[in-house]
Each structure stands twice: as structure tokens, then as C-alpha cells.
């Protein structure tokens, strides 16, 4: 829980604030940019939310914060925000919220599908929180948990224990992690008719992306949108395995069709398929000179 005693001096005066326990994960800044930005190595409230929509987004960011570093005035009713996740992004695809400190605040996602199409999917692990678990139960539970890479497994074991879901991960990142299905090599593998697993070694040796219905790419920490650069990019400063391997992975990934990039870290984006191909080409060119 955030503490007024640890409230950062950089916050704007008012009800919402960030305290000194912030780990600078960026979650609140992309969820509610009109309220939160960065000051030094912490987030802060640069302007208090004004409209009902701004207040709602600030509340959702408070709930999603992996370290409980966002506070509000005593007595504020946050029950609606607690029960809001998972929040629809587009079609069947949802943002889970409840980011986990163990994954440095990475975003996780929920794909809602009927049992006849393979059932619901969690992409990476959110924090195991009772309000979220109750909502997932109401939406039909979790049949499969796809883990993009070793950094973002968080509370995967608790979700497995609770829902009995099958966990899927690349063998090169699954060493020491108990999962039900591992993938090997660099060839893309179909999990079912709608889900294509694409190994992308680079950020870690066993990083994988998941492509859903040739439209939604869940990219882990492999690729994201950069608002400051204005193009799709990769995290060279956070490449833990091999940058050249990541470039080769990006070249293979660019051959696949998708319109959305939904990352663990960084900003998500959407482009029509041909424009996305152009974005990927630009990203690869940038990576070769970065």
C-alpha cells in the first residue's frame, strides 16, 4: 500500500500520488499518461485527473501497479477499479492488469475463447489477486497459460494450481520451471488452429511470441512500440542473450501477418497488415545500426 509519508515531492498537489517505493516500471505512465509521467527514476502525478474518464484510468493504474506505489485520498471507493480487470482491448483480447513485481511490472493478457475453440488463454502471468481470479472464473477460467520468456512467469504456479491450466514455454527458458508443454528449436509451431507460437531468441535464449488469429502478436519483451522514436523497436539495453540473434528473430517474425503488437513492456500498437510489415522492416533496419 502506498504511504502518504513516502509521497514523492515531485507529485502535483491533490488526491493521487506516487510514493518512493516506485520501481519505474512504466505501467501507470502508459495506462494513464494524462496523470502520470516520469521524474528522474520514478513515476509521479504530473497533473491530477480531472474528468471522469481520467479518474477511472488513474484508479485502474493504481490497481495495476505492481508495487502498490500509487495512493489516493482515504475513503476513495476503488471497488469498481478492482473488479474491472481483465479489460477488453479489442475483440477477444484483454489486458489483465494486476501487474506483478516479479516480472518488473510486465503486462499480461487474457484471450477469451469458447471451449470448442480451445478455451481461454493467459499470456504471461499477472499477479495472483483474488479480484482478478474471481473475474477469470466468471469468464470461464484458464485452459492454457503461454509464457513468452523466463522474466515474466511471475505467479504462473499459483494460476496452474488454481485453474489446472496447461503451461507452455520454450525449452531454452523453461530450465528449472515446471511446465506442461515445452517447445524446442526456432521453427514456428501451431498450438491450435488460432494460436501460432513463434520462437524469437534474443532478449532471452528461449523468448517466444504468440500470434492469435493472424492479428494479435503477444510479443513479450521482444518488440514494442516506441512513442519517443515513433516506430516499432526492440530493447537493445535489455537484451540478455544475443542482439544479433534477436535481429535474425525479427527477420523471421516479419514474415508473419499480424496487426497488433501487444508487449510485456513498452507500448502496444496497431497498424493494418501491410503498414505493420513496413514498421517491422523499419525496426530491423534500425536494429542493424543500433
Protein backbone atom coordinates (compact mmCIF):
# COMPACT_ATOMS: atom_id res chain seq x y z
CA UNK A 1 0.00 0.00 0.00
CA UNK A 2 1.25 3.48 -0.87
CA UNK A 3 2.04 5.68 2.12
CA UNK A 4 1.49 9.46 2.37
CA UNK A 5 4.67 9.54 4.48
CA UNK A 6 6.64 8.34 1.45
CA UNK A 7 4.83 10.62 -1.04
CA UNK A 8 7.31 11.96 -3.60
CA UNK A 9 7.79 15.72 -3.60
CA UNK A 10 7.53 15.73 -7.40
CA UNK A 11 3.81 14.86 -7.30
CA UNK A 12 1.27 17.52 -8.17
CA UNK A 13 -0.80 18.61 -5.19
CA UNK A 14 -4.01 16.68 -4.83
CA UNK A 15 -5.60 13.33 -4.15
CA UNK A 16 -3.50 10.91 -6.22
CA UNK A 17 0.23 10.43 -5.64
CA UNK A 18 3.18 8.08 -6.16
CA UNK A 19 5.42 7.14 -3.24
CA UNK A 20 9.12 6.29 -3.02
CA UNK A 21 8.57 2.53 -3.43
CA UNK A 22 8.03 3.05 -7.20
CA UNK A 23 10.31 0.83 -9.32
CA UNK A 24 9.90 2.91 -12.51
CA UNK A 25 8.21 0.06 -14.40
CA UNK A 26 6.20 2.46 -16.63
CA UNK A 27 2.81 0.80 -16.05
CA UNK A 28 0.97 3.88 -14.79
CA UNK A 29 2.53 6.10 -17.46
CA UNK A 30 1.06 4.16 -20.37
CA UNK A 31 -2.21 3.38 -18.63
CA UNK A 32 -2.95 6.98 -17.60
CA UNK A 33 -0.45 9.33 -19.32
CA UNK A 34 -2.60 12.39 -18.65
CA UNK A 35 -1.97 11.82 -14.91
CA UNK A 36 1.41 10.08 -14.61
CA UNK A 37 4.82 10.75 -16.11
CA UNK A 38 8.46 10.20 -15.17
CA UNK A 39 10.64 12.37 -12.95
CA UNK A 40 14.15 11.05 -12.50
CA UNK A 41 13.93 7.30 -11.93
CA UNK A 42 10.36 7.32 -10.56
CA UNK A 43 6.86 7.90 -11.82
CA UNK A 44 4.86 10.82 -10.43
CA UNK A 45 1.49 12.52 -10.73
CA UNK A 46 2.28 15.41 -13.04
CA UNK A 47 -1.37 16.55 -13.13
CA UNK A 48 -4.32 15.45 -11.04
CA UNK A 49 -7.05 13.69 -13.06
CA UNK A 50 -9.99 15.95 -13.83
CA UNK A 51 -12.61 14.20 -15.91
CA UNK A 52 -14.48 11.03 -15.00
CA UNK A 53 -12.51 9.12 -17.65
CA UNK A 54 -9.16 10.42 -16.37
CA UNK A 55 -10.11 9.47 -12.81
CA UNK A 56 -11.11 5.99 -13.95
CA UNK A 57 -7.76 5.46 -15.71
CA UNK A 58 -5.85 6.73 -12.68
CA UNK A 59 -7.75 4.28 -10.47
CA UNK A 60 -7.03 1.41 -12.86
CA UNK A 61 -3.33 2.31 -12.85
CA UNK A 62 -3.41 2.34 -9.05
CA UNK A 63 -4.82 -1.20 -9.02
CA UNK A 64 -2.42 -2.42 -11.73
CA UNK A 65 0.72 -1.00 -10.04
CA UNK A 66 2.94 -4.00 -9.19
CA UNK A 67 4.36 -2.46 -6.02
CA UNK A 68 1.30 -0.68 -4.64
CA UNK A 69 3.18 2.61 -5.02
CA UNK A 70 0.18 4.70 -6.11
CA UNK A 71 -2.05 6.19 -3.46
CA UNK A 72 -5.25 8.19 -3.26
CA UNK A 73 -7.04 10.11 -0.55
CA UNK A 74 -8.51 7.96 2.25
CA UNK A 75 -12.06 6.82 1.67
CA UNK A 76 -11.94 6.64 -2.11
CA UNK A 77 -14.03 3.69 -3.32
CA UNK A 78 -11.80 1.58 -5.59
CA UNK A 79 -14.10 -1.44 -5.82
CA UNK A 80 -15.10 -0.72 -9.43
CA UNK A 81 -11.44 -0.49 -10.46
CA UNK A 82 -10.58 -3.71 -8.62
CA UNK A 83 -13.34 -5.58 -10.44
CA UNK A 84 -12.73 -4.03 -13.88
CA UNK A 85 -9.91 -6.33 -15.00
CA UNK A 86 -9.47 -8.00 -17.38
CA UNK A 87 -10.30 -5.01 -19.60
CA UNK A 88 -11.13 -5.52 -23.27
CA UNK A 89 -8.56 -4.19 -25.73
CA UNK A 90 -10.02 -5.47 -28.99
CA UNK A 91 -12.34 -8.38 -29.70
CA UNK A 92 -11.45 -11.39 -27.55
CA UNK A 93 -8.23 -9.81 -26.25
CA UNK A 94 -7.99 -8.25 -22.79
CA UNK A 95 -5.42 -6.58 -20.53
CA UNK A 96 -5.23 -8.46 -17.22
CA UNK A 97 -3.99 -5.56 -15.07
CA UNK A 98 -2.67 -6.61 -11.65
CA UNK A 99 0.95 -6.40 -12.80
CA UNK A 100 3.49 -8.40 -10.81
CA UNK A 101 6.64 -7.02 -9.23
CA UNK A 102 8.36 -10.33 -10.02
CA UNK A 103 8.11 -9.51 -13.74
CA UNK A 104 9.07 -5.84 -13.20
CA UNK A 105 5.51 -4.80 -13.92
CA UNK A 106 5.13 -6.54 -17.29
CA UNK A 107 1.66 -6.55 -18.86
CA UNK A 108 -0.16 -9.85 -19.23
CA UNK A 109 -3.12 -10.64 -21.43
CA UNK A 110 -6.26 -12.76 -21.49
CA UNK A 111 -7.81 -14.27 -24.63
CA UNK A 112 -11.42 -15.27 -24.10
CA UNK A 113 -12.41 -18.22 -26.29
CA UNK A 114 -15.15 -20.82 -26.02
CA UNK A 115 -14.20 -24.35 -25.06
CA UNK A 116 -14.81 -25.53 -28.60
CA UNK A 117 -12.03 -23.25 -29.85
CA UNK A 118 -9.55 -24.37 -27.21
CA UNK A 119 -10.67 -22.36 -24.19
CA UNK A 120 -9.30 -19.24 -22.54
CA UNK A 121 -5.63 -18.29 -22.67
CA UNK A 122 -3.45 -16.29 -20.30
CA UNK A 123 -0.38 -14.76 -21.93
CA UNK A 124 2.27 -14.38 -19.22
CA UNK A 125 1.39 -14.18 -15.57
CA UNK A 126 -0.33 -11.33 -13.79
CA UNK A 127 -0.24 -11.02 -10.02
CA UNK A 128 -2.38 -13.73 -8.37
CA UNK A 129 -5.03 -11.45 -6.92
CA UNK A 130 -8.43 -12.59 -5.69
CA UNK A 131 -10.50 -9.96 -7.56
CA UNK A 132 -8.80 -10.91 -10.84
CA UNK A 133 -9.11 -14.63 -10.14
CA UNK A 134 -12.82 -14.27 -9.44
CA UNK A 135 -13.30 -12.42 -12.74
CA UNK A 136 -11.36 -15.09 -14.65
CA UNK A 137 -13.51 -17.76 -13.02
CA UNK A 138 -16.65 -15.91 -14.14
CA UNK A 139 -15.26 -15.72 -17.68
CA UNK A 140 -14.70 -19.47 -17.87
CA UNK A 141 -11.33 -19.97 -16.19
CA UNK A 142 -7.97 -20.54 -17.88
CA UNK A 143 -7.22 -23.51 -20.13
CA UNK A 144 -3.73 -22.51 -21.30
CA UNK A 145 -1.01 -20.20 -19.99
CA UNK A 146 1.51 -19.16 -22.63
CA UNK A 147 4.78 -17.87 -21.13
CA UNK A 148 6.72 -15.67 -23.53
CA UNK A 149 10.01 -15.89 -21.62
CA UNK A 150 11.57 -16.56 -18.24
CA UNK A 151 11.36 -12.94 -16.99
CA UNK A 152 7.56 -12.82 -16.97
CA UNK A 153 6.48 -16.09 -15.34
CA UNK A 154 5.59 -14.35 -12.02
CA UNK A 155 2.75 -16.29 -10.29
CA UNK A 156 2.37 -18.95 -13.01
CA UNK A 157 2.46 -21.80 -10.46
CA UNK A 158 -0.45 -20.36 -8.49
CA UNK A 159 -2.57 -19.97 -11.61
CA UNK A 160 -1.72 -23.55 -12.59
CA UNK A 161 -2.70 -24.81 -9.14
CA UNK A 162 -5.97 -22.87 -9.13
CA UNK A 163 -7.18 -23.38 -12.70
CA UNK A 164 -5.34 -26.57 -13.71
CA UNK A 165 -4.20 -24.80 -16.87
CA UNK A 166 -1.57 -26.17 -19.23
CA UNK A 167 1.58 -24.01 -19.23
CA UNK A 168 3.51 -23.63 -22.49
CA UNK A 169 7.07 -22.30 -22.77
CA UNK A 170 10.20 -22.64 -24.87
CA UNK A 171 12.53 -25.32 -23.54
CA UNK A 172 15.52 -22.94 -23.53
CA UNK A 173 13.79 -20.71 -20.94
CA UNK A 174 11.97 -23.48 -19.06
CA UNK A 175 15.01 -24.93 -17.33
CA UNK A 176 14.09 -25.24 -13.67
CA UNK A 177 10.48 -24.17 -14.35
CA UNK A 178 7.80 -26.84 -14.16
CA UNK A 179 5.58 -26.52 -17.23
CA UNK A 180 3.34 -29.00 -19.04
CA UNK A 181 4.49 -28.36 -22.62
CA UNK A 182 7.83 -27.14 -23.95
CA UNK A 183 8.73 -26.09 -27.49
CA UNK A 184 12.19 -26.56 -29.00
CA UNK A 185 14.07 -25.04 -31.91
CA UNK A 186 13.32 -21.88 -33.92
CA UNK A 187 10.51 -23.08 -36.20
CA UNK A 188 7.02 -21.69 -35.61
CA UNK A 189 4.65 -24.23 -34.08
CA UNK A 190 0.85 -24.27 -34.04
CA UNK A 191 -0.71 -24.73 -30.65
CA UNK A 192 -4.12 -24.93 -32.34
CA UNK A 193 -5.90 -23.50 -35.38
CA UNK A 194 -5.85 -19.97 -33.92
CA UNK A 195 -2.59 -19.85 -31.97
CA UNK A 196 0.86 -19.81 -33.57
CA UNK A 197 3.95 -19.94 -31.36
CA UNK A 198 6.97 -18.18 -32.84
CA UNK A 199 10.39 -18.66 -31.19
CA UNK A 200 12.33 -15.39 -31.14
CA UNK A 201 15.66 -15.92 -29.32
CA UNK A 202 17.43 -12.68 -28.49
CA UNK A 203 16.04 -10.96 -25.42
CA UNK A 204 16.43 -14.35 -23.76
CA UNK A 205 17.55 -17.62 -25.32
CA UNK A 206 14.03 -19.03 -25.17
CA UNK A 207 11.85 -16.00 -25.91
CA UNK A 208 8.68 -16.69 -27.88
CA UNK A 209 5.87 -14.65 -29.37
CA UNK A 210 2.28 -15.84 -29.69
CA UNK A 211 0.20 -14.87 -32.72
CA UNK A 212 -3.57 -15.15 -32.33
CA UNK A 213 -5.73 -15.43 -35.46
CA UNK A 214 -3.05 -13.76 -37.63
CA UNK A 215 -4.00 -10.47 -35.99
CA UNK A 216 -2.67 -10.16 -32.44
CA UNK A 217 1.02 -10.60 -31.67
CA UNK A 218 1.83 -11.08 -27.98
CA UNK A 219 5.48 -10.15 -28.07
CA UNK A 220 6.80 -10.42 -24.52
CA UNK A 221 9.93 -8.26 -24.38
CA UNK A 222 10.93 -8.94 -27.99
CA UNK A 223 9.33 -5.97 -29.77
CA UNK A 224 7.14 -2.99 -28.84
CA UNK A 225 6.13 0.48 -29.98
CA UNK A 226 8.27 3.48 -29.04
CA UNK A 227 6.43 6.78 -28.72
CA UNK A 228 9.69 8.72 -28.46
CA UNK A 229 11.20 7.13 -31.60
CA UNK A 230 7.91 6.97 -33.47
CA UNK A 231 8.41 3.42 -34.70
CA UNK A 232 8.41 -0.23 -33.66
CA UNK A 233 11.63 -1.11 -31.86
CA UNK A 234 13.44 -3.63 -29.64
CA UNK A 235 15.17 -3.16 -26.29
CA UNK A 236 18.90 -3.32 -27.02
CA UNK A 237 19.75 -2.17 -23.49
CA UNK A 238 17.66 -5.06 -22.12
CA UNK A 239 18.89 -7.79 -24.47
CA UNK A 240 20.01 -10.51 -22.06
CA UNK A 241 21.06 -13.16 -24.60
CA UNK A 242 22.20 -12.01 -28.06
CA UNK A 243 21.39 -8.90 -30.12
CA UNK A 244 22.38 -10.45 -33.46
CA UNK A 245 20.14 -13.42 -32.69
CA UNK A 246 17.32 -11.00 -31.91
CA UNK A 247 17.77 -9.31 -35.30
CA UNK A 248 17.53 -12.68 -37.03
CA UNK A 249 14.44 -13.47 -34.96
CA UNK A 250 12.89 -10.17 -36.02
CA UNK A 251 13.56 -11.00 -39.66
CA UNK A 252 11.70 -14.31 -39.28
CA UNK A 253 8.90 -12.68 -37.33
CA UNK A 254 8.41 -10.06 -40.05
CA UNK A 255 7.31 -12.81 -42.45
CA UNK A 256 4.19 -13.44 -40.38
CA UNK A 257 0.96 -11.48 -40.69
CA UNK A 258 -0.40 -9.51 -37.72
CA UNK A 259 -1.90 -6.10 -36.99
CA UNK A 260 -1.37 -5.66 -33.25
CA UNK A 261 1.79 -5.75 -31.15
CA UNK A 262 0.91 -6.40 -27.50
CA UNK A 263 4.14 -6.34 -25.46
CA UNK A 264 5.03 -7.11 -21.88
CA UNK A 265 6.99 -3.88 -21.63
CA UNK A 266 6.68 -0.85 -23.87
CA UNK A 267 3.65 0.45 -25.71
CA UNK A 268 1.23 -1.55 -27.78
CA UNK A 269 0.31 -0.51 -31.31
CA UNK A 270 -1.96 -1.39 -34.21
CA UNK A 271 -1.44 -0.97 -37.95
CA UNK A 272 -3.07 -2.53 -40.99
CA UNK A 273 -1.15 -5.60 -42.05
CA UNK A 274 0.86 -4.03 -44.88
CA UNK A 275 1.75 -0.99 -42.79
CA UNK A 276 2.82 -3.32 -39.98
CA UNK A 277 5.14 -5.07 -42.43
CA UNK A 278 6.66 -1.67 -43.16
CA UNK A 279 7.03 -1.00 -39.45
CA UNK A 280 8.81 -4.30 -38.94
CA UNK A 281 11.14 -3.58 -41.86
CA UNK A 282 11.97 -0.19 -40.35
CA UNK A 283 12.59 -1.82 -36.97
CA UNK A 284 15.02 -4.32 -38.49
CA UNK A 285 16.90 -1.55 -40.28
CA UNK A 286 17.15 0.38 -37.02
CA UNK A 287 18.33 -2.71 -35.12
CA UNK A 288 21.15 -3.28 -37.60
CA UNK A 289 22.59 0.14 -36.86
CA UNK A 290 21.67 0.48 -33.18
